[in-house]
Amino acid sequence: MTGVRVRGEQVRKYVIENVERHPQDIARLTAEHFEITRQAAHKHLRNLLKENAIIAEGTTRRRYKLAPLVEWSKTYPLLGLAEDV
């Protein structure tokens, strides 16, 4: 059983390393690389979605991207500025 877990971790690592370069076809690419079915690759994607490691956009043609670890924003006051200057 441990061999299955190790392989799963390898698949997830591969997805995380390649999802930014292949946001639309990461499932196909993963399936081809590990010689697994697309359904198995999608199962790994669903697990990564549950773990908040990746984000999916769209419903039919999904695009995946890495989830931000931290979201940060700050507002700075801009004093003495005019729209025409």
Protein backbone atom coordinates (compact mmCIF):
# COMPACT_ATOMS: atom_id res chain seq x y z
CA MET A 1 0.00 0.00 0.00
CA THR A 2 2.89 2.40 0.63
CA GLY A 3 3.91 2.17 -3.04
CA VAL A 4 0.53 3.56 -4.01
CA ARG A 5 0.92 6.51 -1.65
CA VAL A 6 4.42 7.27 -2.91
CA ARG A 7 3.18 7.23 -6.49
CA GLY A 8 0.28 9.52 -5.56
CA GLU A 9 2.67 12.00 -4.00
CA GLN A 10 4.80 11.89 -7.15
CA VAL A 11 1.72 12.62 -9.28
CA ARG A 12 0.68 15.55 -7.08
CA LYS A 13 4.20 16.97 -7.08
CA TYR A 14 4.27 16.74 -10.87
CA VAL A 15 0.93 18.57 -11.10
CA ILE A 16 2.10 21.36 -8.80
CA GLU A 17 5.37 21.78 -10.72
CA ASN A 18 3.64 21.91 -14.14
CA VAL A 19 0.22 23.47 -13.60
CA GLU A 20 1.39 27.04 -14.31
CA ARG A 21 2.79 26.08 -17.73
CA HIS A 22 -0.19 23.86 -18.64
CA PRO A 23 -3.32 25.26 -16.94
CA GLN A 24 -5.80 23.77 -19.42
CA ASP A 25 -4.31 20.37 -20.18
CA ILE A 26 -2.62 19.39 -16.92
CA ALA A 27 -4.86 16.32 -16.50
CA ARG A 28 -3.98 14.99 -19.96
CA LEU A 29 -0.30 15.76 -19.50
CA THR A 30 -0.23 14.04 -16.10
CA ALA A 31 -2.08 11.00 -17.42
CA GLU A 32 0.39 10.63 -20.28
CA HIS A 33 3.45 11.16 -18.08
CA PHE A 34 2.45 8.56 -15.46
CA GLU A 35 0.57 6.26 -17.87
CA ILE A 36 -2.66 6.51 -15.88
CA THR A 37 -6.20 7.31 -17.01
CA ARG A 38 -7.44 10.88 -17.24
CA GLN A 39 -9.99 9.97 -14.58
CA ALA A 40 -7.17 9.00 -12.21
CA ALA A 41 -5.37 12.27 -12.99
CA HIS A 42 -8.59 14.19 -12.29
CA LYS A 43 -8.86 12.41 -8.93
CA HIS A 44 -5.45 13.80 -8.00
CA LEU A 45 -6.56 17.26 -9.16
CA ARG A 46 -9.68 17.01 -6.97
CA ASN A 47 -7.51 16.08 -3.98
CA LEU A 48 -5.25 19.08 -4.61
CA LEU A 49 -8.36 21.29 -4.86
CA LYS A 50 -9.59 19.99 -1.49
CA GLU A 51 -6.17 20.70 0.04
CA ASN A 52 -6.29 24.25 -1.41
CA ALA A 53 -3.01 23.66 -3.24
CA ILE A 54 -4.54 24.62 -6.61
CA ILE A 55 -7.53 26.65 -7.78
CA ALA A 56 -9.90 25.78 -10.63
CA GLU A 57 -11.53 28.39 -12.86
CA GLY A 58 -14.43 27.69 -15.20
CA THR A 59 -16.96 24.88 -15.24
CA THR A 60 -16.75 22.99 -18.53
CA ARG A 61 -13.24 23.86 -19.68
CA ARG A 62 -11.45 24.18 -16.38
CA ARG A 63 -8.20 26.03 -15.96
CA TYR A 64 -6.05 25.28 -12.96
CA LYS A 65 -3.49 27.43 -11.20
CA LEU A 66 -1.54 27.38 -7.97
CA ALA A 67 -3.37 28.75 -4.96
CA PRO A 68 -1.72 31.73 -3.30
CA LEU A 69 -0.20 30.90 0.05
CA VAL A 70 -0.97 34.33 1.47
CA GLU A 71 -3.06 37.18 0.17
CA TRP A 72 -1.85 40.60 1.20
CA SER A 73 -2.95 44.10 0.35
CA LYS A 74 -2.29 47.57 1.69
CA THR A 75 -3.77 50.92 0.80
CA TYR A 76 -1.48 53.94 0.65
CA PRO A 77 -2.85 57.47 0.83
CA LEU A 78 -1.88 59.63 -2.13
CA LEU A 79 -1.83 63.20 -0.89
CA GLY A 80 -1.44 66.23 -3.10
CA LEU A 81 -2.16 64.48 -6.38
CA ALA A 82 -4.51 65.76 -9.02
CA GLU A 83 -6.06 63.79 -11.81
CA ASP A 84 -4.60 66.04 -14.52
CA VAL A 85 -1.03 66.11 -13.16
